[in-house]
Amino acid sequence: IFRELQPVFDAIAKKVIHFGSAGKGT
């Protein structure tokens, strides 16, 4: 999902850090 959404993220962010499964970001 993160790879798919990278063009979307580029509109709002300079960096994306993926920490693992859902819940790890929080």
mmCIF file of all heavy atoms, coordinates in Angstrom:
data_MODEL
# 
_entry.id   MODEL 
# 
loop_
_atom_site.group_PDB 
_atom_site.id 
_atom_site.type_symbol 
_atom_site.label_atom_id 
_atom_site.label_alt_id 
_atom_site.label_comp_id 
_atom_site.label_asym_id 
_atom_site.label_entity_id 
_atom_site.label_seq_id 
_atom_site.pdbx_PDB_ins_code 
_atom_site.Cartn_x 
_atom_site.Cartn_y 
_atom_site.Cartn_z 
_atom_site.occupancy 
_atom_site.B_iso_or_equiv 
_atom_site.pdbx_formal_charge 
_atom_site.auth_seq_id 
_atom_site.auth_comp_id 
_atom_site.auth_asym_id 
_atom_site.auth_atom_id 
_atom_site.pdbx_PDB_model_num 
ATOM 1   N N   . ILE A 1 1  ? 0.841  -1.201 0.000  1.00 0.00 ? 1  ILE A N   1 
ATOM 2   C CA  . ILE A 1 1  ? 0.000  0.000  0.000  1.00 0.00 ? 1  ILE A CA  1 
ATOM 3   C C   . ILE A 1 1  ? 0.871  1.244  0.000  1.00 0.00 ? 1  ILE A C   1 
ATOM 4   O O   . ILE A 1 1  ? 0.601  2.211  -0.722 1.00 0.00 ? 1  ILE A O   1 
ATOM 5   C CB  . ILE A 1 1  ? -0.944 0.002  1.215  1.00 0.00 ? 1  ILE A CB  1 
ATOM 6   C CG1 . ILE A 1 1  ? -1.935 -1.160 1.125  1.00 0.00 ? 1  ILE A CG1 1 
ATOM 7   C CG2 . ILE A 1 1  ? -1.689 1.330  1.323  1.00 0.00 ? 1  ILE A CG2 1 
ATOM 8   C CD1 . ILE A 1 1  ? -2.840 -1.281 2.346  1.00 0.00 ? 1  ILE A CD1 1 
ATOM 9   N N   . PHE A 1 2  ? 1.946  1.209  0.773  1.00 0.00 ? 2  PHE A N   1 
ATOM 10  C CA  . PHE A 1 2  ? 2.827  2.378  0.845  1.00 0.00 ? 2  PHE A CA  1 
ATOM 11  C C   . PHE A 1 2  ? 3.477  2.641  -0.510 1.00 0.00 ? 2  PHE A C   1 
ATOM 12  O O   . PHE A 1 2  ? 3.615  3.800  -0.925 1.00 0.00 ? 2  PHE A O   1 
ATOM 13  C CB  . PHE A 1 2  ? 3.875  2.188  1.943  1.00 0.00 ? 2  PHE A CB  1 
ATOM 14  C CG  . PHE A 1 2  ? 3.350  2.497  3.310  1.00 0.00 ? 2  PHE A CG  1 
ATOM 15  C CD1 . PHE A 1 2  ? 2.501  1.613  3.965  1.00 0.00 ? 2  PHE A CD1 1 
ATOM 16  C CD2 . PHE A 1 2  ? 3.668  3.681  3.941  1.00 0.00 ? 2  PHE A CD2 1 
ATOM 17  C CE1 . PHE A 1 2  ? 1.998  1.903  5.218  1.00 0.00 ? 2  PHE A CE1 1 
ATOM 18  C CE2 . PHE A 1 2  ? 3.175  3.984  5.196  1.00 0.00 ? 2  PHE A CE2 1 
ATOM 19  C CZ  . PHE A 1 2  ? 2.329  3.086  5.837  1.00 0.00 ? 2  PHE A CZ  1 
ATOM 20  N N   . ARG A 1 3  ? 3.873  1.597  -1.204 1.00 0.00 ? 3  ARG A N   1 
ATOM 21  C CA  . ARG A 1 3  ? 4.461  1.786  -2.539 1.00 0.00 ? 3  ARG A CA  1 
ATOM 22  C C   . ARG A 1 3  ? 3.417  2.341  -3.500 1.00 0.00 ? 3  ARG A C   1 
ATOM 23  O O   . ARG A 1 3  ? 3.713  3.229  -4.308 1.00 0.00 ? 3  ARG A O   1 
ATOM 24  C CB  . ARG A 1 3  ? 5.049  0.477  -3.050 1.00 0.00 ? 3  ARG A CB  1 
ATOM 25  C CG  . ARG A 1 3  ? 6.348  0.090  -2.367 1.00 0.00 ? 3  ARG A CG  1 
ATOM 26  C CD  . ARG A 1 3  ? 7.125  -0.940 -3.164 1.00 0.00 ? 3  ARG A CD  1 
ATOM 27  N NE  . ARG A 1 3  ? 6.530  -2.261 -3.050 1.00 0.00 ? 3  ARG A NE  1 
ATOM 28  C CZ  . ARG A 1 3  ? 6.825  -3.132 -2.085 1.00 0.00 ? 3  ARG A CZ  1 
ATOM 29  N NH1 . ARG A 1 3  ? 7.680  -2.803 -1.135 1.00 0.00 ? 3  ARG A NH1 1 
ATOM 30  N NH2 . ARG A 1 3  ? 6.271  -4.327 -2.061 1.00 0.00 ? 3  ARG A NH2 1 
ATOM 31  N N   . GLU A 1 4  ? 2.216  1.831  -3.408 1.00 0.00 ? 4  GLU A N   1 
ATOM 32  C CA  . GLU A 1 4  ? 1.141  2.295  -4.283 1.00 0.00 ? 4  GLU A CA  1 
ATOM 33  C C   . GLU A 1 4  ? 0.820  3.769  -4.039 1.00 0.00 ? 4  GLU A C   1 
ATOM 34  O O   . GLU A 1 4  ? 0.532  4.514  -4.977 1.00 0.00 ? 4  GLU A O   1 
ATOM 35  C CB  . GLU A 1 4  ? -0.113 1.450  -4.048 1.00 0.00 ? 4  GLU A CB  1 
ATOM 36  C CG  . GLU A 1 4  ? -1.300 1.846  -4.907 1.00 0.00 ? 4  GLU A CG  1 
ATOM 37  C CD  . GLU A 1 4  ? -2.541 1.038  -4.597 1.00 0.00 ? 4  GLU A CD  1 
ATOM 38  O OE1 . GLU A 1 4  ? -2.497 0.169  -3.716 1.00 0.00 ? 4  GLU A OE1 1 
ATOM 39  O OE2 . GLU A 1 4  ? -3.575 1.293  -5.243 1.00 0.00 ? 4  GLU A OE2 1 
ATOM 40  N N   . LEU A 1 5  ? 0.892  4.184  -2.791 1.00 0.00 ? 5  LEU A N   1 
ATOM 41  C CA  . LEU A 1 5  ? 0.495  5.542  -2.431 1.00 0.00 ? 5  LEU A CA  1 
ATOM 42  C C   . LEU A 1 5  ? 1.626  6.566  -2.498 1.00 0.00 ? 5  LEU A C   1 
ATOM 43  O O   . LEU A 1 5  ? 1.403  7.738  -2.230 1.00 0.00 ? 5  LEU A O   1 
ATOM 44  C CB  . LEU A 1 5  ? -0.086 5.556  -1.010 1.00 0.00 ? 5  LEU A CB  1 
ATOM 45  C CG  . LEU A 1 5  ? -1.453 4.913  -0.808 1.00 0.00 ? 5  LEU A CG  1 
ATOM 46  C CD1 . LEU A 1 5  ? -1.905 5.084  0.632  1.00 0.00 ? 5  LEU A CD1 1 
ATOM 47  C CD2 . LEU A 1 5  ? -2.486 5.519  -1.747 1.00 0.00 ? 5  LEU A CD2 1 
ATOM 48  N N   . GLN A 1 6  ? 2.822  6.159  -2.868 1.00 0.00 ? 6  GLN A N   1 
ATOM 49  C CA  . GLN A 1 6  ? 3.938  7.100  -2.854 1.00 0.00 ? 6  GLN A CA  1 
ATOM 50  C C   . GLN A 1 6  ? 3.658  8.382  -3.647 1.00 0.00 ? 6  GLN A C   1 
ATOM 51  O O   . GLN A 1 6  ? 3.963  9.489  -3.168 1.00 0.00 ? 6  GLN A O   1 
ATOM 52  C CB  . GLN A 1 6  ? 5.214  6.437  -3.378 1.00 0.00 ? 6  GLN A CB  1 
ATOM 53  C CG  . GLN A 1 6  ? 6.459  7.300  -3.202 1.00 0.00 ? 6  GLN A CG  1 
ATOM 54  C CD  . GLN A 1 6  ? 6.733  7.649  -1.747 1.00 0.00 ? 6  GLN A CD  1 
ATOM 55  O OE1 . GLN A 1 6  ? 6.843  6.777  -0.901 1.00 0.00 ? 6  GLN A OE1 1 
ATOM 56  N NE2 . GLN A 1 6  ? 6.841  8.945  -1.444 1.00 0.00 ? 6  GLN A NE2 1 
ATOM 57  N N   . PRO A 1 7  ? 3.051  8.307  -4.842 1.00 0.00 ? 7  PRO A N   1 
ATOM 58  C CA  . PRO A 1 7  ? 2.734  9.556  -5.549 1.00 0.00 ? 7  PRO A CA  1 
ATOM 59  C C   . PRO A 1 7  ? 1.755  10.447 -4.787 1.00 0.00 ? 7  PRO A C   1 
ATOM 60  O O   . PRO A 1 7  ? 1.811  11.669 -4.913 1.00 0.00 ? 7  PRO A O   1 
ATOM 61  C CB  . PRO A 1 7  ? 2.128  9.073  -6.868 1.00 0.00 ? 7  PRO A CB  1 
ATOM 62  C CG  . PRO A 1 7  ? 2.643  7.687  -7.048 1.00 0.00 ? 7  PRO A CG  1 
ATOM 63  C CD  . PRO A 1 7  ? 2.731  7.116  -5.657 1.00 0.00 ? 7  PRO A CD  1 
ATOM 64  N N   . VAL A 1 8  ? 0.873  9.842  -4.011 1.00 0.00 ? 8  VAL A N   1 
ATOM 65  C CA  . VAL A 1 8  ? -0.044 10.611 -3.174 1.00 0.00 ? 8  VAL A CA  1 
ATOM 66  C C   . VAL A 1 8  ? 0.728  11.262 -2.023 1.00 0.00 ? 8  VAL A C   1 
ATOM 67  O O   . VAL A 1 8  ? 0.576  12.458 -1.737 1.00 0.00 ? 8  VAL A O   1 
ATOM 68  C CB  . VAL A 1 8  ? -1.167 9.711  -2.630 1.00 0.00 ? 8  VAL A CB  1 
ATOM 69  C CG1 . VAL A 1 8  ? -2.009 10.441 -1.581 1.00 0.00 ? 8  VAL A CG1 1 
ATOM 70  C CG2 . VAL A 1 8  ? -2.046 9.220  -3.772 1.00 0.00 ? 8  VAL A CG2 1 
ATOM 71  N N   . PHE A 1 9  ? 1.582  10.492 -1.372 1.00 0.00 ? 9  PHE A N   1 
ATOM 72  C CA  . PHE A 1 9  ? 2.371  11.017 -0.265 1.00 0.00 ? 9  PHE A CA  1 
ATOM 73  C C   . PHE A 1 9  ? 3.277  12.169 -0.706 1.00 0.00 ? 9  PHE A C   1 
ATOM 74  O O   . PHE A 1 9  ? 3.536  13.097 0.066  1.00 0.00 ? 9  PHE A O   1 
ATOM 75  C CB  . PHE A 1 9  ? 3.227  9.911  0.350  1.00 0.00 ? 9  PHE A CB  1 
ATOM 76  C CG  . PHE A 1 9  ? 2.447  8.801  0.996  1.00 0.00 ? 9  PHE A CG  1 
ATOM 77  C CD1 . PHE A 1 9  ? 2.994  7.520  1.082  1.00 0.00 ? 9  PHE A CD1 1 
ATOM 78  C CD2 . PHE A 1 9  ? 1.191  9.010  1.523  1.00 0.00 ? 9  PHE A CD2 1 
ATOM 79  C CE1 . PHE A 1 9  ? 2.297  6.488  1.693  1.00 0.00 ? 9  PHE A CE1 1 
ATOM 80  C CE2 . PHE A 1 9  ? 0.478  7.986  2.128  1.00 0.00 ? 9  PHE A CE2 1 
ATOM 81  C CZ  . PHE A 1 9  ? 1.034  6.717  2.210  1.00 0.00 ? 9  PHE A CZ  1 
ATOM 82  N N   . ASP A 1 10 ? 3.758  12.105 -1.941 1.00 0.00 ? 10 ASP A N   1 
ATOM 83  C CA  . ASP A 1 10 ? 4.665  13.142 -2.433 1.00 0.00 ? 10 ASP A CA  1 
ATOM 84  C C   . ASP A 1 10 ? 4.030  14.525 -2.421 1.00 0.00 ? 10 ASP A C   1 
ATOM 85  O O   . ASP A 1 10 ? 4.742  15.534 -2.385 1.00 0.00 ? 10 ASP A O   1 
ATOM 86  C CB  . ASP A 1 10 ? 5.125  12.816 -3.855 1.00 0.00 ? 10 ASP A CB  1 
ATOM 87  C CG  . ASP A 1 10 ? 6.128  11.666 -3.907 1.00 0.00 ? 10 ASP A CG  1 
ATOM 88  O OD1 . ASP A 1 10 ? 6.716  11.343 -2.858 1.00 0.00 ? 10 ASP A OD1 1 
ATOM 89  O OD2 . ASP A 1 10 ? 6.311  11.090 -4.999 1.00 0.00 ? 10 ASP A OD2 1 
ATOM 90  N N   . ALA A 1 11 ? 2.705  14.583 -2.435 1.00 0.00 ? 11 ALA A N   1 
ATOM 91  C CA  . ALA A 1 11 ? 2.015  15.873 -2.438 1.00 0.00 ? 11 ALA A CA  1 
ATOM 92  C C   . ALA A 1 11 ? 2.034  16.553 -1.073 1.00 0.00 ? 11 ALA A C   1 
ATOM 93  O O   . ALA A 1 11 ? 1.833  17.772 -0.980 1.00 0.00 ? 11 ALA A O   1 
ATOM 94  C CB  . ALA A 1 11 ? 0.566  15.683 -2.891 1.00 0.00 ? 11 ALA A CB  1 
ATOM 95  N N   . ILE A 1 12 ? 2.287  15.790 -0.019 1.00 0.00 ? 12 ILE A N   1 
ATOM 96  C CA  . ILE A 1 12 ? 2.181  16.344 1.335  1.00 0.00 ? 12 ILE A CA  1 
ATOM 97  C C   . ILE A 1 12 ? 3.425  16.141 2.186  1.00 0.00 ? 12 ILE A C   1 
ATOM 98  O O   . ILE A 1 12 ? 3.513  16.705 3.278  1.00 0.00 ? 12 ILE A O   1 
ATOM 99  C CB  . ILE A 1 12 ? 0.971  15.739 2.077  1.00 0.00 ? 12 ILE A CB  1 
ATOM 100 C CG1 . ILE A 1 12 ? 1.079  14.209 2.164  1.00 0.00 ? 12 ILE A CG1 1 
ATOM 101 C CG2 . ILE A 1 12 ? -0.343 16.165 1.420  1.00 0.00 ? 12 ILE A CG2 1 
ATOM 102 C CD1 . ILE A 1 12 ? 0.031  13.556 3.053  1.00 0.00 ? 12 ILE A CD1 1 
ATOM 103 N N   . ALA A 1 13 ? 4.373  15.347 1.716  1.00 0.00 ? 13 ALA A N   1 
ATOM 104 C CA  . ALA A 1 13 ? 5.487  14.959 2.589  1.00 0.00 ? 13 ALA A CA  1 
ATOM 105 C C   . ALA A 1 13 ? 6.808  14.923 1.844  1.00 0.00 ? 13 ALA A C   1 
ATOM 106 O O   . ALA A 1 13 ? 6.861  14.700 0.635  1.00 0.00 ? 13 ALA A O   1 
ATOM 107 C CB  . ALA A 1 13 ? 5.214  13.585 3.198  1.00 0.00 ? 13 ALA A CB  1 
ATOM 108 N N   . LYS A 1 14 ? 7.879  15.127 2.605  1.00 0.00 ? 14 LYS A N   1 
ATOM 109 C CA  . LYS A 1 14 ? 9.222  14.996 2.049  1.00 0.00 ? 14 LYS A CA  1 
ATOM 110 C C   . LYS A 1 14 ? 9.807  13.619 2.343  1.00 0.00 ? 14 LYS A C   1 
ATOM 111 O O   . LYS A 1 14 ? 10.782 13.202 1.726  1.00 0.00 ? 14 LYS A O   1 
ATOM 112 C CB  . LYS A 1 14 ? 10.153 16.073 2.605  1.00 0.00 ? 14 LYS A CB  1 
ATOM 113 C CG  . LYS A 1 14 ? 10.410 15.958 4.103  1.00 0.00 ? 14 LYS A CG  1 
ATOM 114 C CD  . LYS A 1 14 ? 11.387 17.018 4.584  1.00 0.00 ? 14 LYS A CD  1 
ATOM 115 C CE  . LYS A 1 14 ? 11.631 16.888 6.102  1.00 0.00 ? 14 LYS A CE  1 
ATOM 116 N NZ  . LYS A 1 14 ? 12.585 17.898 6.589  1.00 0.00 ? 14 LYS A NZ  1 
ATOM 117 N N   . LYS A 1 15 ? 9.205  12.911 3.319  1.00 0.00 ? 15 LYS A N   1 
ATOM 118 C CA  . LYS A 1 15 ? 9.768  11.627 3.720  1.00 0.00 ? 15 LYS A CA  1 
ATOM 119 C C   . LYS A 1 15 ? 8.681  10.732 4.295  1.00 0.00 ? 15 LYS A C   1 
ATOM 120 O O   . LYS A 1 15 ? 7.772  11.201 4.986  1.00 0.00 ? 15 LYS A O   1 
ATOM 121 C CB  . LYS A 1 15 ? 10.870 11.832 4.769  1.00 0.00 ? 15 LYS A CB  1 
ATOM 122 C CG  . LYS A 1 15 ? 11.673 10.589 5.114  1.00 0.00 ? 15 LYS A CG  1 
ATOM 123 C CD  . LYS A 1 15 ? 12.845 10.949 6.027  1.00 0.00 ? 15 LYS A CD  1 
ATOM 124 C CE  . LYS A 1 15 ? 13.744 9.755  6.299  1.00 0.00 ? 15 LYS A CE  1 
ATOM 125 N NZ  . LYS A 1 15 ? 14.889 10.103 7.169  1.00 0.00 ? 15 LYS A NZ  1 
ATOM 126 N N   . VAL A 1 16 ? 8.788  9.436  3.991  1.00 0.00 ? 16 VAL A N   1 
ATOM 127 C CA  . VAL A 1 16 ? 7.901  8.433  4.564  1.00 0.00 ? 16 VAL A CA  1 
ATOM 128 C C   . VAL A 1 16 ? 8.773  7.375  5.236  1.00 0.00 ? 16 VAL A C   1 
ATOM 129 O O   . VAL A 1 16 ? 9.680  6.833  4.613  1.00 0.00 ? 16 VAL A O   1 
ATOM 130 C CB  . VAL A 1 16 ? 7.021  7.763  3.484  1.00 0.00 ? 16 VAL A CB  1 
ATOM 131 C CG1 . VAL A 1 16 ? 6.091  6.727  4.129  1.00 0.00 ? 16 VAL A CG1 1 
ATOM 132 C CG2 . VAL A 1 16 ? 6.225  8.801  2.697  1.00 0.00 ? 16 VAL A CG2 1 
ATOM 133 N N   . ILE A 1 17 ? 8.504  7.106  6.519  1.00 0.00 ? 17 ILE A N   1 
ATOM 134 C CA  . ILE A 1 17 ? 9.225  6.061  7.228  1.00 0.00 ? 17 ILE A CA  1 
ATOM 135 C C   . ILE A 1 17 ? 8.225  4.961  7.558  1.00 0.00 ? 17 ILE A C   1 
ATOM 136 O O   . ILE A 1 17 ? 7.243  5.201  8.263  1.00 0.00 ? 17 ILE A O   1 
ATOM 137 C CB  . ILE A 1 17 ? 9.882  6.583  8.519  1.00 0.00 ? 17 ILE A CB  1 
ATOM 138 C CG1 . ILE A 1 17 ? 10.735 7.817  8.238  1.00 0.00 ? 17 ILE A CG1 1 
ATOM 139 C CG2 . ILE A 1 17 ? 10.739 5.488  9.157  1.00 0.00 ? 17 ILE A CG2 1 
ATOM 140 C CD1 . ILE A 1 17 ? 11.325 8.457  9.486  1.00 0.00 ? 17 ILE A CD1 1 
ATOM 141 N N   . HIS A 1 18 ? 8.495  3.766  7.058  1.00 0.00 ? 18 HIS A N   1 
ATOM 142 C CA  . HIS A 1 18 ? 7.589  2.645  7.272  1.00 0.00 ? 18 HIS A CA  1 
ATOM 143 C C   . HIS A 1 18 ? 8.146  1.781  8.395  1.00 0.00 ? 18 HIS A C   1 
ATOM 144 O O   . HIS A 1 18 ? 9.246  1.236  8.282  1.00 0.00 ? 18 HIS A O   1 
ATOM 145 C CB  . HIS A 1 18 ? 7.447  1.838  5.985  1.00 0.00 ? 18 HIS A CB  1 
ATOM 146 C CG  . HIS A 1 18 ? 6.506  0.693  6.099  1.00 0.00 ? 18 HIS A CG  1 
ATOM 147 N ND1 . HIS A 1 18 ? 6.925  -0.619 6.146  1.00 0.00 ? 18 HIS A ND1 1 
ATOM 148 C CD2 . HIS A 1 18 ? 5.150  0.660  6.188  1.00 0.00 ? 18 HIS A CD2 1 
ATOM 149 C CE1 . HIS A 1 18 ? 5.870  -1.412 6.247  1.00 0.00 ? 18 HIS A CE1 1 
ATOM 150 N NE2 . HIS A 1 18 ? 4.782  -0.668 6.280  1.00 0.00 ? 18 HIS A NE2 1 
ATOM 151 N N   . PHE A 1 19 ? 7.386  1.629  9.488  1.00 0.00 ? 19 PHE A N   1 
ATOM 152 C CA  . PHE A 1 19 ? 7.876  0.938  10.677 1.00 0.00 ? 19 PHE A CA  1 
ATOM 153 C C   . PHE A 1 19 ? 7.436  -0.516 10.770 1.00 0.00 ? 19 PHE A C   1 
ATOM 154 O O   . PHE A 1 19 ? 7.864  -1.227 11.678 1.00 0.00 ? 19 PHE A O   1 
ATOM 155 C CB  . PHE A 1 19 ? 7.435  1.693  11.939 1.00 0.00 ? 19 PHE A CB  1 
ATOM 156 C CG  . PHE A 1 19 ? 8.187  2.979  12.138 1.00 0.00 ? 19 PHE A CG  1 
ATOM 157 C CD1 . PHE A 1 19 ? 7.670  4.178  11.679 1.00 0.00 ? 19 PHE A CD1 1 
ATOM 158 C CD2 . PHE A 1 19 ? 9.428  2.994  12.755 1.00 0.00 ? 19 PHE A CD2 1 
ATOM 159 C CE1 . PHE A 1 19 ? 8.370  5.370  11.838 1.00 0.00 ? 19 PHE A CE1 1 
ATOM 160 C CE2 . PHE A 1 19 ? 10.140 4.173  12.928 1.00 0.00 ? 19 PHE A CE2 1 
ATOM 161 C CZ  . PHE A 1 19 ? 9.602  5.360  12.464 1.00 0.00 ? 19 PHE A CZ  1 
ATOM 162 N N   . GLY A 1 20 ? 6.578  -0.948 9.835  1.00 0.00 ? 20 GLY A N   1 
ATOM 163 C CA  . GLY A 1 20 ? 6.133  -2.340 9.884  1.00 0.00 ? 20 GLY A CA  1 
ATOM 164 C C   . GLY A 1 20 ? 4.633  -2.447 9.770  1.00 0.00 ? 20 GLY A C   1 
ATOM 165 O O   . GLY A 1 20 ? 3.990  -1.663 9.072  1.00 0.00 ? 20 GLY A O   1 
ATOM 166 N N   . SER A 1 21 ? 4.059  -3.403 10.463 1.00 0.00 ? 21 SER A N   1 
ATOM 167 C CA  . SER A 1 21 ? 2.629  -3.683 10.351 1.00 0.00 ? 21 SER A CA  1 
ATOM 168 C C   . SER A 1 21 ? 1.796  -2.543 10.923 1.00 0.00 ? 21 SER A C   1 
ATOM 169 O O   . SER A 1 21 ? 2.296  -1.675 11.661 1.00 0.00 ? 21 SER A O   1 
ATOM 170 C CB  . SER A 1 21 ? 2.306  -4.987 11.076 1.00 0.00 ? 21 SER A CB  1 
ATOM 171 O OG  . SER A 1 21 ? 2.692  -4.898 12.436 1.00 0.00 ? 21 SER A OG  1 
ATOM 172 N N   . ALA A 1 22 ? 0.516  -2.554 10.581 1.00 0.00 ? 22 ALA A N   1 
ATOM 173 C CA  . ALA A 1 22 ? -0.394 -1.522 11.075 1.00 0.00 ? 22 ALA A CA  1 
ATOM 174 C C   . ALA A 1 22 ? -0.325 -1.435 12.596 1.00 0.00 ? 22 ALA A C   1 
ATOM 175 O O   . ALA A 1 22 ? -0.318 -2.450 13.297 1.00 0.00 ? 22 ALA A O   1 
ATOM 176 C CB  . ALA A 1 22 ? -1.813 -1.822 10.611 1.00 0.00 ? 22 ALA A CB  1 
ATOM 177 N N   . GLY A 1 23 ? -0.267 -0.231 13.111 1.00 0.00 ? 23 GLY A N   1 
ATOM 178 C CA  . GLY A 1 23 ? -0.113 0.013  14.539 1.00 0.00 ? 23 GLY A CA  1 
ATOM 179 C C   . GLY A 1 23 ? 1.277  0.465  14.930 1.00 0.00 ? 23 GLY A C   1 
ATOM 180 O O   . GLY A 1 23 ? 1.462  1.121  15.959 1.00 0.00 ? 23 GLY A O   1 
ATOM 181 N N   . LYS A 1 24 ? 2.266  0.148  14.082 1.00 0.00 ? 24 LYS A N   1 
ATOM 182 C CA  . LYS A 1 24 ? 3.650  0.503  14.416 1.00 0.00 ? 24 LYS A CA  1 
ATOM 183 C C   . LYS A 1 24 ? 3.912  2.001  14.227 1.00 0.00 ? 24 LYS A C   1 
ATOM 184 O O   . LYS A 1 24 ? 4.759  2.576  14.920 1.00 0.00 ? 24 LYS A O   1 
ATOM 185 C CB  . LYS A 1 24 ? 4.624  -0.310 13.559 1.00 0.00 ? 24 LYS A CB  1 
ATOM 186 C CG  . LYS A 1 24 ? 4.569  -1.816 13.821 1.00 0.00 ? 24 LYS A CG  1 
ATOM 187 C CD  . LYS A 1 24 ? 5.081  -2.152 15.211 1.00 0.00 ? 24 LYS A CD  1 
ATOM 188 C CE  . LYS A 1 24 ? 4.950  -3.651 15.514 1.00 0.00 ? 24 LYS A CE  1 
ATOM 189 N NZ  . LYS A 1 24 ? 5.702  -4.490 14.596 1.00 0.00 ? 24 LYS A NZ  1 
ATOM 190 N N   . GLY A 1 25 ? 3.205  2.633  13.309 1.00 0.00 ? 25 GLY A N   1 
ATOM 191 C CA  . GLY A 1 25 ? 3.372  4.074  13.129 1.00 0.00 ? 25 GLY A CA  1 
ATOM 192 C C   . GLY A 1 25 ? 2.947  4.832  14.375 1.00 0.00 ? 25 GLY A C   1 
ATOM 193 O O   . GLY A 1 25 ? 3.641  5.746  14.835 1.00 0.00 ? 25 GLY A O   1 
ATOM 194 N N   . THR A 1 26 ? 1.814  4.453  14.935 1.00 0.00 ? 26 THR A N   1 
ATOM 195 C CA  . THR A 1 26 ? 1.314  5.085  16.154 1.00 0.00 ? 26 THR A CA  1 
ATOM 196 C C   . THR A 1 26 ? 2.266  4.852  17.320 1.00 0.00 ? 26 THR A C   1 
ATOM 197 O O   . THR A 1 26 ? 2.546  5.768  18.106 1.00 0.00 ? 26 THR A O   1 
ATOM 198 C CB  . THR A 1 26 ? -0.076 4.532  16.498 1.00 0.00 ? 26 THR A CB  1 
ATOM 199 O OG1 . THR A 1 26 ? -0.987 4.923  15.466 1.00 0.00 ? 26 THR A OG1 1 
ATOM 200 C CG2 . THR A 1 26 ? -0.572 5.042  17.844 1.00 0.00 ? 26 THR A CG2 1 
# 
